[in-house]
Protein backbone atom coordinates (compact mmCIF):
# COMPACT_ATOMS: atom_id res chain seq x y z
CA MET A 1 130.72 -0.14 253.98
CA LYS A 2 131.11 -3.71 252.70
CA GLN A 3 134.59 -4.68 251.55
CA VAL A 4 135.19 -5.71 247.94
CA ARG A 5 136.52 -9.29 247.70
CA ILE A 6 139.46 -9.33 245.30
CA GLY A 7 141.61 -11.80 243.39
CA ILE A 8 144.84 -10.79 241.67
CA VAL A 9 145.90 -13.09 238.85
CA GLY A 10 149.55 -12.82 237.91
CA ALA A 11 151.00 -10.99 240.89
CA THR A 12 154.72 -11.53 240.38
CA GLY A 13 155.26 -8.74 237.84
CA TYR A 14 155.48 -5.02 238.46
CA THR A 15 151.80 -4.23 237.91
CA GLY A 16 150.72 -7.15 240.09
CA SER A 17 152.95 -6.12 242.98
CA GLU A 18 151.83 -2.49 242.58
CA LEU A 19 148.23 -3.65 242.89
CA VAL A 20 149.09 -5.42 246.15
CA ARG A 21 150.86 -2.29 247.41
CA ILE A 22 147.90 -0.03 246.72
CA LEU A 23 145.16 -2.45 247.83
CA SER A 24 146.94 -3.34 251.07
CA ARG A 25 146.01 0.12 252.37
CA HIS A 26 142.62 0.41 250.68
CA PRO A 27 139.88 0.88 253.30
CA TYR A 28 137.19 -0.97 251.34
CA ALA A 29 139.25 -3.73 249.68
CA ARG A 30 140.09 -7.27 250.80
CA VAL A 31 142.55 -9.24 248.72
CA ASP A 32 141.50 -12.87 249.20
CA VAL A 33 143.80 -14.64 246.74
CA ILE A 34 146.97 -13.84 244.81
CA THR A 35 147.96 -16.25 242.05
CA SER A 36 151.06 -16.97 240.03
CA MET A 37 151.68 -19.53 237.33
CA SER A 38 155.47 -19.50 237.68
CA ARG A 39 155.93 -18.97 241.45
CA ALA A 40 152.96 -20.80 243.00
CA GLY A 41 153.80 -22.18 246.44
CA GLU A 42 156.27 -19.40 247.25
CA ALA A 43 155.57 -16.54 249.63
CA PHE A 44 154.65 -13.30 247.89
CA SER A 45 157.25 -11.51 250.02
CA ASP A 46 159.96 -13.90 248.82
CA VAL A 47 159.25 -12.80 245.26
CA HIS A 48 158.92 -9.14 246.28
CA PRO A 49 161.06 -8.63 249.44
CA ALA A 50 159.72 -5.11 250.00
CA PHE A 51 156.51 -6.74 251.26
CA ARG A 52 158.10 -8.65 254.15
CA GLY A 53 155.83 -8.32 257.16
CA VAL A 54 153.19 -6.66 254.98
CA GLU A 55 152.10 -9.41 252.58
CA ASP A 56 153.62 -12.82 253.33
CA ARG A 57 150.89 -15.13 252.09
CA THR A 58 151.65 -17.99 249.72
CA LEU A 59 151.06 -17.48 246.01
CA ALA A 60 148.29 -19.79 244.84
CA PRO A 61 148.00 -21.64 241.53
CA LEU A 62 145.34 -20.33 239.19
CA SER A 63 143.24 -23.46 239.78
CA ASP A 64 142.63 -22.30 243.39
CA LEU A 65 140.64 -19.32 242.15
CA SER A 66 137.46 -21.42 242.05
CA GLU A 67 137.62 -21.86 245.83
CA TYR A 68 136.94 -18.19 246.50
CA GLU A 69 133.80 -16.06 246.29
CA LEU A 70 135.15 -12.96 244.61
CA ASP A 71 133.60 -9.68 243.53
CA ILE A 72 136.37 -8.72 241.12
CA VAL A 73 139.54 -10.13 239.60
CA PHE A 74 142.47 -8.05 238.38
CA LEU A 75 144.35 -9.64 235.49
CA ALA A 76 148.02 -8.66 235.61
CA LEU A 77 148.86 -11.03 232.78
CA PRO A 78 150.77 -10.77 229.49
CA ASN A 79 148.99 -9.93 226.26
CA GLY A 80 147.29 -13.09 225.01
CA ALA A 81 146.91 -14.69 228.45
CA SER A 82 144.12 -12.36 229.56
CA MET A 83 141.80 -13.18 226.68
CA GLU A 84 142.29 -16.87 227.41
CA PHE A 85 141.33 -16.27 231.05
CA VAL A 86 138.15 -14.44 229.99
CA ARG A 87 137.35 -17.18 227.50
CA ASP A 88 137.71 -19.85 230.20
CA HIS A 89 136.04 -18.02 233.12
CA GLY A 90 133.57 -15.61 231.54
CA ILE A 91 132.47 -12.38 233.18
CA ASN A 92 129.39 -13.49 235.11
CA ARG A 93 130.95 -14.98 238.24
CA PHE A 94 133.04 -11.91 239.02
CA ARG A 95 133.85 -8.60 237.38
CA ILE A 96 137.22 -8.23 235.66
CA ILE A 97 139.74 -5.45 235.18
CA ASP A 98 142.34 -6.46 232.62
CA LEU A 99 145.69 -4.66 232.64
CA SER A 100 146.89 -6.20 229.35
CA GLY A 101 146.12 -4.93 225.87
CA ASP A 102 143.72 -7.76 225.01
CA PHE A 103 140.43 -5.83 225.30
CA ARG A 104 141.42 -2.23 224.58
CA LEU A 105 140.78 -2.25 220.84
CA ARG A 106 137.23 -2.46 219.45
CA SER A 107 138.18 -4.37 216.31
CA PRO A 108 139.58 -7.92 216.36
CA ALA A 109 141.19 -7.28 212.98
CA VAL A 110 143.06 -4.25 214.31
CA TYR A 111 144.12 -6.26 217.37
CA GLU A 112 145.48 -9.06 215.17
CA GLU A 113 147.32 -6.58 212.94
CA TRP A 114 149.11 -4.78 215.79
CA TYR A 115 149.54 -7.59 218.33
CA GLY A 116 150.38 -10.34 215.85
CA ARG A 117 147.97 -12.96 217.20
CA GLN A 118 144.37 -14.01 216.71
CA HIS A 119 141.93 -12.82 219.35
CA VAL A 120 140.34 -15.92 220.88
CA THR A 121 137.58 -14.01 222.70
CA ALA A 122 136.67 -11.45 220.06
CA GLU A 123 132.98 -11.59 221.00
CA ARG A 124 133.88 -9.93 224.33
CA LEU A 125 135.50 -6.85 222.81
CA SER A 126 132.14 -5.09 222.65
CA ASP A 127 131.54 -5.90 226.33
CA ALA A 128 134.73 -4.19 227.50
CA ALA A 129 134.67 -0.62 228.78
CA TYR A 130 137.81 1.39 228.15
CA GLY A 131 139.07 2.15 231.64
CA LEU A 132 139.99 5.82 231.41
CA PRO A 133 137.74 7.32 234.12
CA GLU A 134 138.04 10.94 233.00
CA LEU A 135 136.46 10.01 229.65
CA TYR A 136 134.39 6.87 230.25
CA ARG A 137 133.29 6.98 233.91
CA SER A 138 129.59 6.21 233.29
CA VAL A 139 130.38 3.21 231.07
CA ILE A 140 132.96 1.86 233.52
CA ARG A 141 130.46 2.03 236.39
CA SER A 142 128.11 -0.56 234.87
CA SER A 143 130.64 -2.76 233.07
CA ARG A 144 131.64 -6.27 234.07
CA LEU A 145 134.82 -6.17 231.97
CA VAL A 146 137.13 -3.15 231.98
CA ALA A 147 140.15 -2.80 229.72
CA ASN A 148 142.69 -0.79 231.70
CA PRO A 149 144.50 1.61 229.33
CA GLY A 150 148.14 1.35 228.41
CA CYS A 151 150.62 3.68 230.10
CA TYR A 152 151.61 5.61 226.97
CA PRO A 153 147.95 5.99 225.89
CA THR A 154 146.97 7.29 229.34
CA SER A 155 149.59 10.02 229.21
CA ALA A 156 148.79 10.96 225.59
CA ILE A 157 144.99 10.73 225.63
CA LEU A 158 144.53 12.79 228.79
CA LEU A 159 146.81 15.39 227.25
CA LEU A 160 145.19 15.58 223.81
CA ALA A 161 141.50 14.75 224.32
CA PRO A 162 140.49 18.27 225.50
CA LEU A 163 142.18 19.92 222.51
CA LEU A 164 140.51 17.58 220.02
CA LYS A 165 137.11 17.54 221.71
CA HIS A 166 136.92 21.33 221.56
CA ARG A 167 138.35 21.48 218.02
CA LEU A 168 141.38 23.60 218.91
CA VAL A 169 143.80 21.48 216.85
CA ARG A 170 143.84 19.65 213.55
CA PRO A 171 143.21 15.88 213.84
CA THR A 172 146.17 14.91 211.64
CA GLY A 173 149.90 15.51 211.84
CA ILE A 174 149.92 14.96 215.61
CA VAL A 175 153.33 13.94 216.93
CA ILE A 176 153.55 12.19 220.32
CA ASP A 177 157.02 11.95 221.82
CA SER A 178 156.91 9.75 224.95
CA LYS A 179 159.68 8.74 227.32
CA SER A 180 159.27 5.94 229.85
CA GLY A 181 161.16 4.36 232.70
CA VAL A 182 162.24 0.74 232.23
CA THR A 183 159.50 -0.76 234.43
CA GLY A 184 157.19 -0.20 231.47
CA ALA A 185 158.97 -3.10 229.78
CA GLY A 186 157.95 -5.53 232.54
CA SER A 187 159.92 -7.47 235.13
CA VAL A 188 161.39 -10.11 232.82
CA ALA A 189 165.04 -9.35 232.03
CA ARG A 190 165.81 -8.50 228.38
CA SER A 191 168.95 -7.34 226.64
CA GLY A 192 167.43 -3.91 225.92
CA THR A 193 166.58 -3.32 229.58
CA HIS A 194 169.77 -4.76 231.04
CA PHE A 195 171.36 -2.27 233.49
CA PRO A 196 174.69 -1.83 231.67
CA TRP A 197 172.79 -1.04 228.48
CA VAL A 198 170.19 1.30 230.01
CA PHE A 199 172.37 3.24 232.45
CA GLY A 200 173.73 6.41 230.87
CA ASN A 201 171.84 5.61 227.67
CA PHE A 202 168.75 6.97 225.95
CA ARG A 203 167.08 5.48 222.89
CA ALA A 204 163.93 5.36 220.81
CA TYR A 205 162.19 2.06 220.10
CA GLY A 206 159.03 0.72 218.47
CA LEU A 207 159.30 3.27 215.66
CA LEU A 208 156.27 3.50 213.34
CA ARG A 209 154.62 0.31 214.67
CA HIS A 210 154.24 0.64 218.43
CA ARG A 211 151.11 -1.29 219.43
CA HIS A 212 149.74 1.57 221.54
CA THR A 213 149.27 3.69 218.40
CA PRO A 214 145.84 2.31 217.38
CA GLU A 215 144.65 2.51 221.00
CA ILE A 216 145.49 6.22 221.13
CA GLU A 217 143.92 6.89 217.72
CA GLN A 218 140.76 4.96 218.61
CA VAL A 219 140.04 6.91 221.80
CA LEU A 220 141.07 10.31 220.46
CA SER A 221 138.87 9.77 217.40
CA GLU A 222 135.93 9.12 219.70
CA SER A 223 136.71 12.30 221.65
CA ALA A 224 137.09 14.36 218.48
CA GLY A 225 134.09 12.91 216.65
CA GLN A 226 136.32 12.41 213.60
CA ASP A 227 139.29 10.32 212.56
CA VAL A 228 142.51 11.24 214.34
CA GLN A 229 145.98 10.21 213.18
CA VAL A 230 149.04 10.30 215.42
CA GLN A 231 152.72 9.51 215.15
CA LEU A 232 153.90 7.87 218.38
CA THR A 233 157.60 7.55 219.13
CA PRO A 234 158.41 5.99 222.51
CA HIS A 235 161.81 6.28 224.19
CA LEU A 236 163.44 4.43 227.05
CA LEU A 237 164.76 6.57 229.88
CA PRO A 238 167.46 5.33 232.29
CA ILE A 239 165.04 5.60 235.25
CA ASP A 240 162.86 2.97 236.90
CA ARG A 241 159.40 4.56 236.64
CA GLY A 242 157.61 7.52 235.12
CA ILE A 243 156.43 8.72 231.70
CA LEU A 244 156.89 12.18 230.21
CA THR A 245 154.90 12.76 227.03
CA THR A 246 155.22 15.77 224.75
CA ALA A 247 152.61 16.22 222.01
CA TYR A 248 152.91 18.60 219.06
CA THR A 249 149.71 19.67 217.28
CA GLU A 250 148.76 22.31 214.73
CA ALA A 251 146.38 24.89 216.18
CA ILE A 252 143.21 25.90 214.38
CA GLU A 253 143.21 29.52 213.22
CA GLY A 254 142.16 31.92 215.97
CA VAL A 255 143.29 29.80 218.93
CA ASN A 256 145.07 31.70 221.69
CA ALA A 257 146.78 30.79 224.97
CA SER A 258 143.84 31.75 227.18
CA MET A 259 141.61 29.31 225.25
CA LEU A 260 143.98 26.47 226.14
CA GLU A 261 143.68 27.10 229.85
CA GLU A 262 139.89 27.40 229.60
CA VAL A 263 139.56 24.09 227.74
CA TYR A 264 141.68 22.14 230.21
CA ARG A 265 139.84 23.69 233.16
CA THR A 266 136.49 22.85 231.58
CA CYS A 267 137.47 19.22 231.06
CA TYR A 268 139.44 18.52 234.23
CA GLU A 269 138.61 21.04 236.93
CA SER A 270 136.58 18.47 238.91
CA GLU A 271 138.96 15.55 238.28
CA ARG A 272 140.73 14.46 241.45
CA PHE A 273 143.81 13.06 239.72
CA ILE A 274 144.44 15.61 236.96
CA ARG A 275 146.62 18.56 237.93
CA ILE A 276 146.76 21.46 235.46
CA LEU A 277 150.10 23.24 235.72
CA ASP A 278 151.39 26.62 234.60
CA SER A 279 154.85 25.22 233.83
CA PRO A 280 156.11 21.95 232.27
CA PRO A 281 155.65 18.88 234.52
CA SER A 282 158.28 16.47 235.82
CA VAL A 283 158.11 12.71 236.42
CA LYS A 284 159.64 13.23 239.87
CA ASN A 285 156.56 15.15 240.96
CA VAL A 286 154.14 12.29 240.23
CA ARG A 287 156.31 9.35 241.32
CA GLY A 288 154.34 6.77 243.30
CA SER A 289 151.04 8.64 242.86
CA ASN A 290 147.92 8.42 240.72
CA PHE A 291 148.28 11.98 239.45
CA CYS A 292 148.56 13.06 235.84
CA ASP A 293 150.15 16.49 235.54
CA VAL A 294 149.39 18.41 232.32
CA PHE A 295 150.64 21.61 230.77
CA ALA A 296 150.03 23.23 227.37
CA THR A 297 151.32 26.31 225.58
CA LEU A 298 150.92 27.90 222.16
CA ASP A 299 153.92 28.71 219.99
CA SER A 300 152.65 31.63 217.94
CA ARG A 301 155.71 31.45 215.66
CA THR A 302 154.92 27.94 214.38
CA ASN A 303 151.21 27.93 215.26
CA ARG A 304 151.75 24.72 217.20
CA ILE A 305 150.38 23.76 220.59
CA VAL A 306 153.02 22.01 222.67
CA ALA A 307 151.39 19.94 225.43
CA ILE A 308 153.23 17.91 228.08
CA SER A 309 152.06 15.36 230.63
CA ALA A 310 153.73 13.33 233.37
CA ILE A 311 152.47 10.15 235.06
CA ASP A 312 153.87 7.26 237.04
CA ASN A 313 153.58 4.43 234.51
CA LEU A 314 152.91 1.84 237.24
CA VAL A 315 150.24 3.87 239.04
CA LYS A 316 148.10 6.16 236.85
CA GLY A 317 149.54 4.27 233.87
CA ALA A 318 148.53 0.85 235.24
CA SER A 319 147.63 -0.34 238.75
CA GLY A 320 146.49 2.93 240.30
CA GLN A 321 144.13 3.54 237.41
CA ALA A 322 142.88 -0.04 237.77
CA VAL A 323 142.02 0.62 241.43
CA GLN A 324 140.37 3.91 240.42
CA ASN A 325 138.23 1.89 238.00
CA MET A 326 137.35 -0.62 240.72
CA ASN A 327 136.23 2.21 242.99
CA ILE A 328 133.91 3.48 240.27
CA MET A 329 132.51 0.01 239.56
CA PHE A 330 131.58 -0.55 243.22
CA ASP A 331 130.38 3.00 243.99
CA LEU A 332 133.28 3.65 246.35
CA PRO A 333 134.95 7.03 246.82
CA GLU A 334 137.04 7.36 243.68
CA GLU A 335 140.14 8.38 245.61
CA ALA A 336 139.93 5.42 248.06
CA GLY A 337 143.34 3.78 248.42
CA LEU A 338 144.89 6.34 246.08
CA GLY A 339 145.79 9.18 248.39
CA GLN A 340 149.55 8.62 248.18
CA VAL A 341 151.52 11.86 247.98
CA PRO A 342 154.20 11.69 245.26
CA LEU A 343 157.63 10.58 246.45
CA SER A 344 159.87 13.59 246.13
CA PRO A 345 162.80 13.75 246.01
């Protein structure tokens, strides 16, 4: 089988290095160029010492991208930078998977409201497929631009979509309580992610206005066929990677526990990376893997469904899902390069 020729733009952050880690053992992938705006000219393994003897090539400036014949480019860039790349390069020369939030929302007005900047490539929003394979596989397959989902949305949407699609819960009053490791904040040091502040600490952030809220509502509304409203509260855990999401929903009258299991099995039984559990999941059991573990139970006392998911925010929540999308786009086995067993303990 022909190898896919790949460029990674912005490879010095956590998602970029995770892409290199996964693709370095992908049987059908060939990474031809890795770029960095801030560290061009340095060896990739000097920036990420774990890759010594594995990936030692020199980071190229973005201008070198034109020298390569590429099939696909992964954009591991900050919000705002990805849309500028798409504006400048288009989507005809190579296909693009964007790991930022620039193409996840359908509406430029909603993007501007929640991200605080004007979208400079708004005409491309309708071209972008939302890269959640379990919901949008057929659209992803033919797309030239894929918007890789956010980590919190991945954990929440995979958890809630079956319940809303099958009308087991009310579409309003949904509370999403998510807890993430600090790698979700990126590799740039900030006061809120400084070790002395994070260690032994636990805090909520982004209350009421976290930018992943409209992304979650958009996709869940499409799954439900009606408007869905959620309250997302993210928290920062004193761990490096992993997301645990707990969602609280009001059950429709007549729903019972056996219906929950049936709905999740119906939606996910054939999905390679969704594991349906009979007890609450743990971030330790998905660490380093592309799995999403899900569990749901009905509290008959309050008539609420409590559903819990666990993912690795850098794998299923970012780079692993991006590779899964690439596999779909090039008709490769969907699990190619993603067979890592979770690291436990």
